[in-house]
PDB file of all heavy atoms in Angstrom:
ATOM      1  N   LEU A   1     112.306  42.598 -10.189  1.00  0.00           N
ATOM      2  CA  LEU A   1     111.905  42.259 -11.574  1.00  0.00           C
ATOM      3  C   LEU A   1     112.293  43.499 -12.454  1.00  0.00           C
ATOM      4  O   LEU A   1     111.593  44.473 -12.241  1.00  0.00           O
ATOM      5  CB  LEU A   1     110.476  41.856 -11.779  1.00  0.00           C
ATOM      6  CG  LEU A   1     110.011  41.750 -13.271  1.00  0.00           C
ATOM      7  CD1 LEU A   1     110.758  40.673 -13.913  1.00  0.00           C
ATOM      8  CD2 LEU A   1     108.572  41.352 -13.246  1.00  0.00           C
ATOM      9  N   PHE A   2     113.290  43.467 -13.312  1.00  0.00           N
ATOM     10  CA  PHE A   2     113.657  44.632 -14.092  1.00  0.00           C
ATOM     11  C   PHE A   2     113.932  44.155 -15.534  1.00  0.00           C
ATOM     12  O   PHE A   2     114.503  43.137 -15.776  1.00  0.00           O
ATOM     13  CB  PHE A   2     114.923  45.283 -13.524  1.00  0.00           C
ATOM     14  CG  PHE A   2     114.802  45.908 -12.270  1.00  0.00           C
ATOM     15  CD1 PHE A   2     115.139  45.444 -11.113  1.00  0.00           C
ATOM     16  CD2 PHE A   2     114.245  47.268 -12.171  1.00  0.00           C
ATOM     17  CE1 PHE A   2     114.960  46.086  -9.886  1.00  0.00           C
ATOM     18  CE2 PHE A   2     114.137  47.914 -11.019  1.00  0.00           C
ATOM     19  CZ  PHE A   2     114.440  47.270  -9.815  1.00  0.00           C
ATOM     20  N   THR A   3     113.441  44.978 -16.479  1.00  0.00           N
ATOM     21  CA  THR A   3     113.740  44.700 -17.859  1.00  0.00           C
ATOM     22  C   THR A   3     114.230  46.110 -18.527  1.00  0.00           C
ATOM     23  O   THR A   3     113.753  47.137 -18.048  1.00  0.00           O
ATOM     24  CB  THR A   3     112.491  44.237 -18.696  1.00  0.00           C
ATOM     25  OG1 THR A   3     111.615  45.152 -18.702  1.00  0.00           O
ATOM     26  CG2 THR A   3     112.044  42.940 -18.065  1.00  0.00           C
ATOM     27  N   THR A   4     115.077  45.936 -19.480  1.00  0.00           N
ATOM     28  CA  THR A   4     115.695  47.122 -20.156  1.00  0.00           C
ATOM     29  C   THR A   4     114.659  47.857 -21.067  1.00  0.00           C
ATOM     30  O   THR A   4     114.810  48.893 -21.257  1.00  0.00           O
ATOM     31  CB  THR A   4     116.904  46.774 -20.947  1.00  0.00           C
ATOM     32  OG1 THR A   4     116.739  45.822 -21.904  1.00  0.00           O
ATOM     33  CG2 THR A   4     117.947  46.259 -20.037  1.00  0.00           C
ATOM     34  N   ARG A   5     113.649  46.997 -21.647  1.00  0.00           N
ATOM     35  CA  ARG A   5     112.815  47.535 -22.598  1.00  0.00           C
ATOM     36  C   ARG A   5     111.287  47.133 -22.204  1.00  0.00           C
ATOM     37  O   ARG A   5     111.157  46.029 -22.170  1.00  0.00           O
ATOM     38  CB  ARG A   5     113.103  47.321 -24.039  1.00  0.00           C
ATOM     39  CG  ARG A   5     114.300  47.990 -24.529  1.00  0.00           C
ATOM     40  CD  ARG A   5     114.614  47.523 -25.883  1.00  0.00           C
ATOM     41  NE  ARG A   5     116.057  46.976 -25.773  1.00  0.00           N
ATOM     42  CZ  ARG A   5     116.496  45.932 -26.172  1.00  0.00           C
ATOM     43  NH1 ARG A   5     115.661  44.987 -26.656  1.00  0.00           N
ATOM     44  NH2 ARG A   5     117.733  45.532 -25.946  1.00  0.00           N
ATOM     45  N   SER A   6     110.471  48.016 -21.965  1.00  0.00           N
ATOM     46  CA  SER A   6     109.090  47.544 -21.672  1.00  0.00           C
ATOM     47  C   SER A   6     108.301  47.256 -22.942  1.00  0.00           C
ATOM     48  O   SER A   6     108.748  47.702 -24.050  1.00  0.00           O
ATOM     49  CB  SER A   6     108.320  48.726 -20.779  1.00  0.00           C
ATOM     50  OG  SER A   6     108.242  49.942 -21.561  1.00  0.00           O
ATOM     51  N   GLY A   7     107.237  46.646 -22.814  1.00  0.00           N
ATOM     52  CA  GLY A   7     106.270  46.372 -24.027  1.00  0.00           C
ATOM     53  C   GLY A   7     106.865  45.282 -24.864  1.00  0.00           C
ATOM     54  O   GLY A   7     106.212  45.068 -25.887  1.00  0.00           O
ATOM     55  N   ARG A   8     107.924  44.565 -24.513  1.00  0.00           N
ATOM     56  CA  ARG A   8     108.311  43.461 -25.340  1.00  0.00           C
ATOM     57  C   ARG A   8     107.989  42.068 -24.885  1.00  0.00           C
ATOM     58  O   ARG A   8     108.387  41.066 -25.348  1.00  0.00           O
ATOM     59  CB  ARG A   8     109.876  43.601 -25.546  1.00  0.00           C
ATOM     60  CG  ARG A   8     110.204  44.841 -26.381  1.00  0.00           C
ATOM     61  CD  ARG A   8     111.586  44.803 -27.082  1.00  0.00           C
ATOM     62  NE  ARG A   8     111.830  43.612 -27.616  1.00  0.00           N
ATOM     63  CZ  ARG A   8     113.023  43.081 -27.574  1.00  0.00           C
ATOM     64  NH1 ARG A   8     113.991  43.582 -26.934  1.00  0.00           N
ATOM     65  NH2 ARG A   8     113.280  41.832 -28.192  1.00  0.00           N
ATOM     66  N   GLY A   9     107.349  42.105 -23.708  1.00  0.00           N
ATOM     67  CA  GLY A   9     107.008  40.750 -23.122  1.00  0.00           C
ATOM     68  C   GLY A   9     107.913  40.142 -22.245  1.00  0.00           C
ATOM     69  O   GLY A   9     107.863  38.983 -21.853  1.00  0.00           O
ATOM     70  N   ILE A  10     109.146  40.652 -22.052  1.00  0.00           N
ATOM     71  CA  ILE A  10     110.346  40.099 -21.337  1.00  0.00           C
ATOM     72  C   ILE A  10     110.010  39.998 -19.870  1.00  0.00           C
ATOM     73  O   ILE A  10     110.170  38.853 -19.418  1.00  0.00           O
ATOM     74  CB  ILE A  10     111.590  40.906 -21.460  1.00  0.00           C
ATOM     75  CG1 ILE A  10     111.986  40.990 -23.090  1.00  0.00           C
ATOM     76  CG2 ILE A  10     112.715  40.478 -20.593  1.00  0.00           C
ATOM     77  CD1 ILE A  10     113.106  42.057 -23.322  1.00  0.00           C
ATOM     78  N   GLY A  11     109.366  40.965 -19.348  1.00  0.00           N
ATOM     79  CA  GLY A  11     108.879  40.780 -17.905  1.00  0.00           C
ATOM     80  C   GLY A  11     107.890  39.643 -17.604  1.00  0.00           C
ATOM     81  O   GLY A  11     108.063  38.832 -16.884  1.00  0.00           O
ATOM     82  N   ARG A  12     106.905  39.682 -18.570  1.00  0.00           N
ATOM     83  CA  ARG A  12     105.933  38.509 -18.569  1.00  0.00           C
ATOM     84  C   ARG A  12     106.609  37.102 -18.744  1.00  0.00           C
ATOM     85  O   ARG A  12     106.167  36.314 -17.925  1.00  0.00           O
ATOM     86  CB  ARG A  12     104.932  38.741 -19.649  1.00  0.00           C
ATOM     87  CG  ARG A  12     103.734  37.732 -19.673  1.00  0.00           C
ATOM     88  CD  ARG A  12     102.757  38.065 -20.711  1.00  0.00           C
ATOM     89  NE  ARG A  12     102.155  39.394 -20.516  1.00  0.00           N
ATOM     90  CZ  ARG A  12     101.189  39.757 -19.719  1.00  0.00           C
ATOM     91  NH1 ARG A  12     100.705  38.887 -18.901  1.00  0.00           N
ATOM     92  NH2 ARG A  12     100.720  40.971 -19.507  1.00  0.00           N
ATOM     93  N   GLN A  13     107.476  37.053 -19.613  1.00  0.00           N
ATOM     94  CA  GLN A  13     108.149  35.715 -19.800  1.00  0.00           C
ATOM     95  C   GLN A  13     109.082  35.377 -18.597  1.00  0.00           C
ATOM     96  O   GLN A  13     109.118  34.144 -18.191  1.00  0.00           O
ATOM     97  CB  GLN A  13     108.958  35.728 -21.116  1.00  0.00           C
ATOM     98  CG  GLN A  13     109.431  34.406 -21.597  1.00  0.00           C
ATOM     99  CD  GLN A  13     108.298  33.521 -21.833  1.00  0.00           C
ATOM    100  OE1 GLN A  13     107.298  33.673 -22.193  1.00  0.00           O
ATOM    101  NE2 GLN A  13     108.706  32.161 -21.468  1.00  0.00           N
ATOM    102  N   LEU A  14     109.762  36.382 -18.015  1.00  0.00           N
ATOM    103  CA  LEU A  14     110.558  36.117 -16.875  1.00  0.00           C
ATOM    104  C   LEU A  14     109.657  35.619 -15.755  1.00  0.00           C
ATOM    105  O   LEU A  14     109.957  34.588 -15.014  1.00  0.00           O
ATOM    106  CB  LEU A  14     111.297  37.305 -16.436  1.00  0.00           C
ATOM    107  CG  LEU A  14     112.658  37.692 -17.216  1.00  0.00           C
ATOM    108  CD1 LEU A  14     113.047  39.088 -16.923  1.00  0.00           C
ATOM    109  CD2 LEU A  14     113.666  36.570 -16.848  1.00  0.00           C
ATOM    110  N   LEU A  15     108.562  36.233 -15.411  1.00  0.00           N
ATOM    111  CA  LEU A  15     107.519  35.812 -14.467  1.00  0.00           C
ATOM    112  C   LEU A  15     107.103  34.386 -14.812  1.00  0.00           C
ATOM    113  O   LEU A  15     107.039  33.544 -13.911  1.00  0.00           O
ATOM    114  CB  LEU A  15     106.420  36.838 -14.462  1.00  0.00           C
ATOM    115  CG  LEU A  15     105.398  36.423 -13.347  1.00  0.00           C
ATOM    116  CD1 LEU A  15     105.865  36.509 -11.983  1.00  0.00           C
ATOM    117  CD2 LEU A  15     104.232  37.491 -13.436  1.00  0.00           C
ATOM    118  N   ARG A  16     106.750  34.088 -16.074  1.00  0.00           N
ATOM    119  CA  ARG A  16     106.294  32.828 -16.478  1.00  0.00           C
ATOM    120  C   ARG A  16     107.313  31.740 -16.096  1.00  0.00           C
ATOM    121  O   ARG A  16     107.014  30.640 -15.645  1.00  0.00           O
ATOM    122  CB  ARG A  16     105.963  32.766 -17.984  1.00  0.00           C
ATOM    123  CG  ARG A  16     104.793  31.925 -18.355  1.00  0.00           C
ATOM    124  CD  ARG A  16     104.526  32.179 -19.844  1.00  0.00           C
ATOM    125  NE  ARG A  16     103.364  33.062 -19.913  1.00  0.00           N
ATOM    126  CZ  ARG A  16     103.162  33.953 -20.858  1.00  0.00           C
ATOM    127  NH1 ARG A  16     104.073  33.993 -21.832  1.00  0.00           N
ATOM    128  NH2 ARG A  16     102.139  34.614 -20.898  1.00  0.00           N
ATOM    129  N   GLN A  17     108.526  31.944 -16.570  1.00  0.00           N
ATOM    130  CA  GLN A  17     109.642  31.065 -16.259  1.00  0.00           C
ATOM    131  C   GLN A  17     109.747  30.824 -14.795  1.00  0.00           C
ATOM    132  O   GLN A  17     110.091  29.707 -14.307  1.00  0.00           O
ATOM    133  CB  GLN A  17     110.902  31.617 -16.945  1.00  0.00           C
ATOM    134  CG  GLN A  17     110.938  31.790 -18.391  1.00  0.00           C
ATOM    135  CD  GLN A  17     111.169  30.556 -19.153  1.00  0.00           C
ATOM    136  OE1 GLN A  17     111.817  29.579 -18.648  1.00  0.00           O
ATOM    137  NE2 GLN A  17     110.720  30.455 -20.442  1.00  0.00           N
ATOM    138  N   ALA A  18     109.809  31.999 -14.066  1.00  0.00           N
ATOM    139  CA  ALA A  18     109.980  31.772 -12.640  1.00  0.00           C
ATOM    140  C   ALA A  18     108.853  31.102 -11.899  1.00  0.00           C
ATOM    141  O   ALA A  18     109.056  30.255 -10.978  1.00  0.00           O
ATOM    142  CB  ALA A  18     110.041  33.305 -12.029  1.00  0.00           C
ATOM    143  N   LEU A  19     107.591  31.238 -12.366  1.00  0.00           N
ATOM    144  CA  LEU A  19     106.521  30.463 -11.746  1.00  0.00           C
ATOM    145  C   LEU A  19     106.702  28.952 -12.191  1.00  0.00           C
ATOM    146  O   LEU A  19     106.246  28.173 -11.283  1.00  0.00           O
ATOM    147  CB  LEU A  19     105.182  30.989 -12.496  1.00  0.00           C
ATOM    148  CG  LEU A  19     104.780  32.243 -11.793  1.00  0.00           C
ATOM    149  CD1 LEU A  19     103.473  32.770 -12.591  1.00  0.00           C
ATOM    150  CD2 LEU A  19     104.303  32.017 -10.260  1.00  0.00           C
ATOM    151  N   THR A  20     107.217  28.635 -13.225  1.00  0.00           N
ATOM    152  CA  THR A  20     107.510  27.230 -13.537  1.00  0.00           C
ATOM    153  C   THR A  20     108.500  26.557 -12.435  1.00  0.00           C
ATOM    154  O   THR A  20     108.379  25.514 -11.983  1.00  0.00           O
ATOM    155  CB  THR A  20     108.172  27.007 -14.982  1.00  0.00           C
ATOM    156  OG1 THR A  20     107.274  27.557 -15.992  1.00  0.00           O
ATOM    157  CG2 THR A  20     108.467  25.561 -15.368  1.00  0.00           C
ATOM    158  N   VAL A  21     109.586  27.329 -12.191  1.00  0.00           N
ATOM    159  CA  VAL A  21     110.534  26.952 -11.149  1.00  0.00           C
ATOM    160  C   VAL A  21     109.829  26.867  -9.827  1.00  0.00           C
ATOM    161  O   VAL A  21     109.964  25.881  -9.094  1.00  0.00           O
ATOM    162  CB  VAL A  21     111.713  27.912 -11.098  1.00  0.00           C
ATOM    163  CG1 VAL A  21     112.620  27.624  -9.780  1.00  0.00           C
ATOM    164  CG2 VAL A  21     112.405  27.886 -12.398  1.00  0.00           C
ATOM    165  N   CYS A  22     109.009  27.823  -9.391  1.00  0.00           N
ATOM    166  CA  CYS A  22     108.259  27.836  -8.193  1.00  0.00           C
ATOM    167  C   CYS A  22     107.320  26.641  -8.079  1.00  0.00           C
ATOM    168  O   CYS A  22     107.272  26.047  -6.963  1.00  0.00           O
ATOM    169  CB  CYS A  22     107.396  29.061  -8.055  1.00  0.00           C
ATOM    170  SG  CYS A  22     108.396  30.726  -7.960  1.00  0.00           S
ATOM    171  N   ARG A  23     106.563  26.370  -9.130  1.00  0.00           N
ATOM    172  CA  ARG A  23     105.668  25.327  -9.212  1.00  0.00           C
ATOM    173  C   ARG A  23     106.360  23.810  -8.957  1.00  0.00           C
ATOM    174  O   ARG A  23     105.919  23.010  -8.237  1.00  0.00           O
ATOM    175  CB  ARG A  23     104.860  25.226 -10.354  1.00  0.00           C
ATOM    176  CG  ARG A  23     103.687  26.185 -10.241  1.00  0.00           C
ATOM    177  CD  ARG A  23     102.527  25.734 -11.201  1.00  0.00           C
ATOM    178  NE  ARG A  23     101.710  26.819 -11.552  1.00  0.00           N
ATOM    179  CZ  ARG A  23     101.739  27.373 -12.630  1.00  0.00           C
ATOM    180  NH1 ARG A  23     102.548  27.262 -13.575  1.00  0.00           N
ATOM    181  NH2 ARG A  23     100.865  28.396 -12.856  1.00  0.00           N
ATOM    182  N   ALA A  24     107.531  23.800  -9.599  1.00  0.00           N
ATOM    183  CA  ALA A  24     108.358  22.524  -9.569  1.00  0.00           C
ATOM    184  C   ALA A  24     108.817  22.391  -8.030  1.00  0.00           C
ATOM    185  O   ALA A  24     108.771  21.244  -7.574  1.00  0.00           O
ATOM    186  CB  ALA A  24     109.535  22.651 -10.369  1.00  0.00           C
ATOM    187  N   HIS A  25     109.082  23.442  -7.355  1.00  0.00           N
ATOM    188  CA  HIS A  25     109.528  23.373  -6.076  1.00  0.00           C
ATOM    189  C   HIS A  25     108.353  23.169  -5.090  1.00  0.00           C
ATOM    190  O   HIS A  25     108.490  22.502  -3.983  1.00  0.00           O
ATOM    191  CB  HIS A  25     110.302  24.516  -5.579  1.00  0.00           C
ATOM    192  CG  HIS A  25     110.960  24.339  -4.282  1.00  0.00           C
ATOM    193  ND1 HIS A  25     110.339  24.932  -3.175  1.00  0.00           N
ATOM    194  CD2 HIS A  25     112.164  23.882  -3.980  1.00  0.00           C
ATOM    195  CE1 HIS A  25     111.165  24.583  -2.117  1.00  0.00           C
ATOM    196  NE2 HIS A  25     112.301  24.041  -2.544  1.00  0.00           N
ATOM    197  N   SER A  26     107.235  23.948  -5.306  1.00  0.00           N
ATOM    198  CA  SER A  26     106.119  23.884  -4.522  1.00  0.00           C
ATOM    199  C   SER A  26     104.756  23.725  -5.375  1.00  0.00           C
ATOM    200  O   SER A  26     104.146  24.660  -5.689  1.00  0.00           O
ATOM    201  CB  SER A  26     106.091  25.356  -3.813  1.00  0.00           C
ATOM    202  OG  SER A  26     107.122  25.626  -3.014  1.00  0.00           O
ATOM    203  N   PRO A  27     104.532  22.405  -5.640  1.00  0.00           N
ATOM    204  CA  PRO A  27     103.267  22.113  -6.484  1.00  0.00           C
ATOM    205  C   PRO A  27     102.029  22.701  -6.038  1.00  0.00           C
ATOM    206  O   PRO A  27     101.150  22.861  -6.784  1.00  0.00           O
ATOM    207  CB  PRO A  27     103.368  20.564  -6.528  1.00  0.00           C
ATOM    208  CG  PRO A  27     104.682  20.140  -6.048  1.00  0.00           C
ATOM    209  CD  PRO A  27     105.289  21.151  -5.148  1.00  0.00           C
ATOM    210  N   ASP A  28     101.844  22.998  -4.617  1.00  0.00           N
ATOM    211  CA  ASP A  28     100.637  23.435  -4.096  1.00  0.00           C
ATOM    212  C   ASP A  28     100.532  25.007  -4.203  1.00  0.00           C
ATOM    213  O   ASP A  28      99.601  25.437  -3.635  1.00  0.00           O
ATOM    214  CB  ASP A  28     100.375  22.950  -2.767  1.00  0.00           C
ATOM    215  CG  ASP A  28     100.195  21.345  -2.760  1.00  0.00           C
ATOM    216  OD1 ASP A  28      99.853  20.919  -3.765  1.00  0.00           O
ATOM    217  OD2 ASP A  28     100.615  20.806  -1.713  1.00  0.00           O
ATOM    218  N   LEU A  29     101.563  25.637  -4.736  1.00  0.00           N
ATOM    219  CA  LEU A  29     101.559  26.985  -4.738  1.00  0.00           C
ATOM    220  C   LEU A  29     100.321  27.705  -5.268  1.00  0.00           C
ATOM    221  O   LEU A  29      99.857  27.373  -6.398  1.00  0.00           O
ATOM    222  CB  LEU A  29     102.848  27.601  -5.556  1.00  0.00           C
ATOM    223  CG  LEU A  29     102.983  28.911  -5.656  1.00  0.00           C
ATOM    224  CD1 LEU A  29     103.572  29.561  -4.212  1.00  0.00           C
ATOM    225  CD2 LEU A  29     104.170  29.345  -6.676  1.00  0.00           C
ATOM    226  N   GLU A  30      99.688  28.659  -4.581  1.00  0.00           N
ATOM    227  CA  GLU A  30      98.473  29.164  -5.050  1.00  0.00           C
ATOM    228  C   GLU A  30      98.517  30.651  -5.380  1.00  0.00           C
ATOM    229  O   GLU A  30      97.858  31.181  -6.182  1.00  0.00           O
ATOM    230  CB  GLU A  30      97.337  28.993  -3.948  1.00  0.00           C
ATOM    231  CG  GLU A  30      97.006  27.541  -3.774  1.00  0.00           C
ATOM    232  CD  GLU A  30      95.770  27.371  -2.864  1.00  0.00           C
ATOM    233  OE1 GLU A  30      95.190  28.385  -2.410  1.00  0.00           O
ATOM    234  OE2 GLU A  30      95.448  26.191  -2.488  1.00  0.00           O
ATOM    235  N   ARG A  31      99.499  31.420  -4.758  1.00  0.00           N
ATOM    236  CA  ARG A  31      99.612  32.805  -5.013  1.00  0.00           C
ATOM    237  C   ARG A  31     101.127  33.180  -5.025  1.00  0.00           C
ATOM    238  O   ARG A  31     101.931  32.601  -4.182  1.00  0.00           O
ATOM    239  CB  ARG A  31      98.854  33.663  -4.115  1.00  0.00           C
ATOM    240  CG  ARG A  31      98.909  33.382  -2.691  1.00  0.00           C
ATOM    241  CD  ARG A  31      97.953  34.107  -1.798  1.00  0.00           C
ATOM    242  NE  ARG A  31      98.682  35.038  -1.147  1.00  0.00           N
ATOM    243  CZ  ARG A  31      98.428  36.348  -1.014  1.00  0.00           C
ATOM    244  NH1 ARG A  31      97.303  36.863  -1.565  1.00  0.00           N
ATOM    245  NH2 ARG A  31      99.000  37.237  -0.346  1.00  0.00           N
ATOM    246  N   ILE A  32     101.492  34.148  -5.598  1.00  0.00           N
ATOM    247  CA  ILE A  32     102.764  34.882  -5.681  1.00  0.00           C
ATOM    248  C   ILE A  32     102.694  36.375  -5.203  1.00  0.00           C
ATOM    249  O   ILE A  32     101.524  37.019  -5.601  1.00  0.00           O
ATOM    250  CB  ILE A  32     103.489  34.502  -6.987  1.00  0.00           C
ATOM    251  CG1 ILE A  32     104.837  35.037  -6.821  1.00  0.00           C
ATOM    252  CG2 ILE A  32     102.793  35.183  -8.159  1.00  0.00           C
ATOM    253  CD1 ILE A  32     105.868  34.362  -7.881  1.00  0.00           C
ATOM    254  N   THR A  33     103.573  36.903  -4.491  1.00  0.00           N
ATOM    255  CA  THR A  33     103.484  38.266  -4.007  1.00  0.00           C
ATOM    256  C   THR A  33     104.640  39.134  -4.515  1.00  0.00           C
ATOM    257  O   THR A  33     105.593  38.460  -5.061  1.00  0.00           O
ATOM    258  CB  THR A  33     103.430  38.266  -2.402  1.00  0.00           C
ATOM    259  OG1 THR A  33     104.573  37.718  -2.091  1.00  0.00           O
ATOM    260  CG2 THR A  33     102.234  37.504  -1.916  1.00  0.00           C
ATOM    261  N   VAL A  34     104.427  40.413  -4.507  1.00  0.00           N
ATOM    262  CA  VAL A  34     105.410  41.379  -4.791  1.00  0.00           C
ATOM    263  C   VAL A  34     105.321  42.578  -3.988  1.00  0.00           C
ATOM    264  O   VAL A  34     103.969  42.967  -3.764  1.00  0.00           O
ATOM    265  CB  VAL A  34     105.520  41.689  -6.326  1.00  0.00           C
ATOM    266  CG1 VAL A  34     104.275  42.411  -6.749  1.00  0.00           C
ATOM    267  CG2 VAL A  34     106.782  42.330  -6.742  1.00  0.00           C
ATOM    268  N   HIS A  35     106.189  43.316  -3.698  1.00  0.00           N
ATOM    269  CA  HIS A  35     106.270  44.709  -3.028  1.00  0.00           C
ATOM    270  C   HIS A  35     106.696  45.524  -4.224  1.00  0.00           C
ATOM    271  O   HIS A  35     107.767  45.694  -4.532  1.00  0.00           O
ATOM    272  CB  HIS A  35     107.194  44.688  -1.920  1.00  0.00           C
ATOM    273  CG  HIS A  35     106.745  44.038  -0.738  1.00  0.00           C
ATOM    274  ND1 HIS A  35     107.402  43.895   0.376  1.00  0.00           N
ATOM    275  CD2 HIS A  35     105.530  43.473  -0.419  1.00  0.00           C
ATOM    276  CE1 HIS A  35     106.856  43.220   1.316  1.00  0.00           C
ATOM    277  NE2 HIS A  35     105.647  42.976   0.784  1.00  0.00           N
ATOM    278  N   SER A  36     105.674  46.215  -5.010  1.00  0.00           N
ATOM    279  CA  SER A  36     105.887  46.946  -6.028  1.00  0.00           C
ATOM    280  C   SER A  36     106.197  48.399  -5.674  1.00  0.00           C
ATOM    281  O   SER A  36     105.474  49.003  -4.965  1.00  0.00           O
ATOM    282  CB  SER A  36     104.598  46.919  -6.958  1.00  0.00           C
ATOM    283  OG  SER A  36     104.703  47.930  -7.992  1.00  0.00           O
ATOM    284  N   ALA A  37     107.191  48.956  -6.507  1.00  0.00           N
ATOM    285  CA  ALA A  37     107.284  50.396  -6.323  1.00  0.00           C
ATOM    286  C   ALA A  37     106.102  51.057  -6.940  1.00  0.00           C
ATOM    287  O   ALA A  37     105.499  50.475  -7.809  1.00  0.00           O
ATOM    288  CB  ALA A  37     108.608  50.832  -7.244  1.00  0.00           C
ATOM    289  N   PRO A  38     105.755  52.190  -6.317  1.00  0.00           N
ATOM    290  CA  PRO A  38     104.471  52.739  -6.752  1.00  0.00           C
ATOM    291  C   PRO A  38     104.375  52.949  -8.232  1.00  0.00           C
ATOM    292  O   PRO A  38     103.312  52.703  -8.698  1.00  0.00           O
ATOM    293  CB  PRO A  38     104.468  54.171  -5.936  1.00  0.00           C
ATOM    294  CG  PRO A  38     105.189  53.772  -4.644  1.00  0.00           C
ATOM    295  CD  PRO A  38     106.279  52.840  -5.173  1.00  0.00           C
ATOM    296  N   SER A  39     105.394  53.349  -8.875  1.00  0.00           N
ATOM    297  CA  SER A  39     105.374  53.652 -10.369  1.00  0.00           C
ATOM    298  C   SER A  39     105.247  52.380 -11.079  1.00  0.00           C
ATOM    299  O   SER A  39     104.901  52.423 -12.333  1.00  0.00           O
ATOM    300  CB  SER A  39     106.599  54.431 -10.731  1.00  0.00           C
ATOM    301  OG  SER A  39     107.836  53.660 -10.444  1.00  0.00           O
ATOM    302  N   ALA A  40     105.565  51.185 -10.488  1.00  0.00           N
ATOM    303  CA  ALA A  40     105.435  49.926 -11.339  1.00  0.00           C
ATOM    304  C   ALA A  40     104.075  49.240 -11.080  1.00  0.00           C
ATOM    305  O   ALA A  40     103.981  48.173 -11.741  1.00  0.00           O
ATOM    306  CB  ALA A  40     106.598  48.917 -10.814  1.00  0.00           C
ATOM    307  N   VAL A  41     103.161  49.834 -10.260  1.00  0.00           N
ATOM    308  CA  VAL A  41     101.910  49.102 -10.008  1.00  0.00           C
ATOM    309  C   VAL A  41     101.280  48.806 -11.320  1.00  0.00           C
ATOM    310  O   VAL A  41     100.772  47.656 -11.514  1.00  0.00           O
ATOM    311  CB  VAL A  41     101.096  49.943  -8.981  1.00  0.00           C
ATOM    312  CG1 VAL A  41      99.607  49.434  -8.963  1.00  0.00           C
ATOM    313  CG2 VAL A  41     101.783  49.850  -7.595  1.00  0.00           C
ATOM    314  N   PRO A  42     101.110  49.764 -12.236  1.00  0.00           N
ATOM    315  CA  PRO A  42     100.428  49.476 -13.555  1.00  0.00           C
ATOM    316  C   PRO A  42     101.061  48.271 -14.297  1.00  0.00           C
ATOM    317  O   PRO A  42     100.288  47.456 -14.905  1.00  0.00           O
ATOM    318  CB  PRO A  42     100.551  50.750 -14.283  1.00  0.00           C
ATOM    319  CG  PRO A  42     100.702  51.695 -13.366  1.00  0.00           C
ATOM    320  CD  PRO A  42     101.494  51.060 -12.254  1.00  0.00           C
ATOM    321  N   ALA A  43     102.364  48.146 -14.324  1.00  0.00           N
ATOM    322  CA  ALA A  43     103.044  47.061 -15.007  1.00  0.00           C
ATOM    323  C   ALA A  43     102.680  45.717 -14.245  1.00  0.00           C
ATOM    324  O   ALA A  43     102.367  44.871 -15.000  1.00  0.00           O
ATOM    325  CB  ALA A  43     104.493  47.304 -14.983  1.00  0.00           C
TER     326      ALA A  43
END
């Protein structure tokens, strides 16, 4: 997950859109995971 500018909600919206795709494929989906770079943990 990468965005050129932080603080504009682009990452949040990309995640939202991705979750819509995930739910359509797996309606019972309960959790989503990520292996975050240490510096990206706050984001």
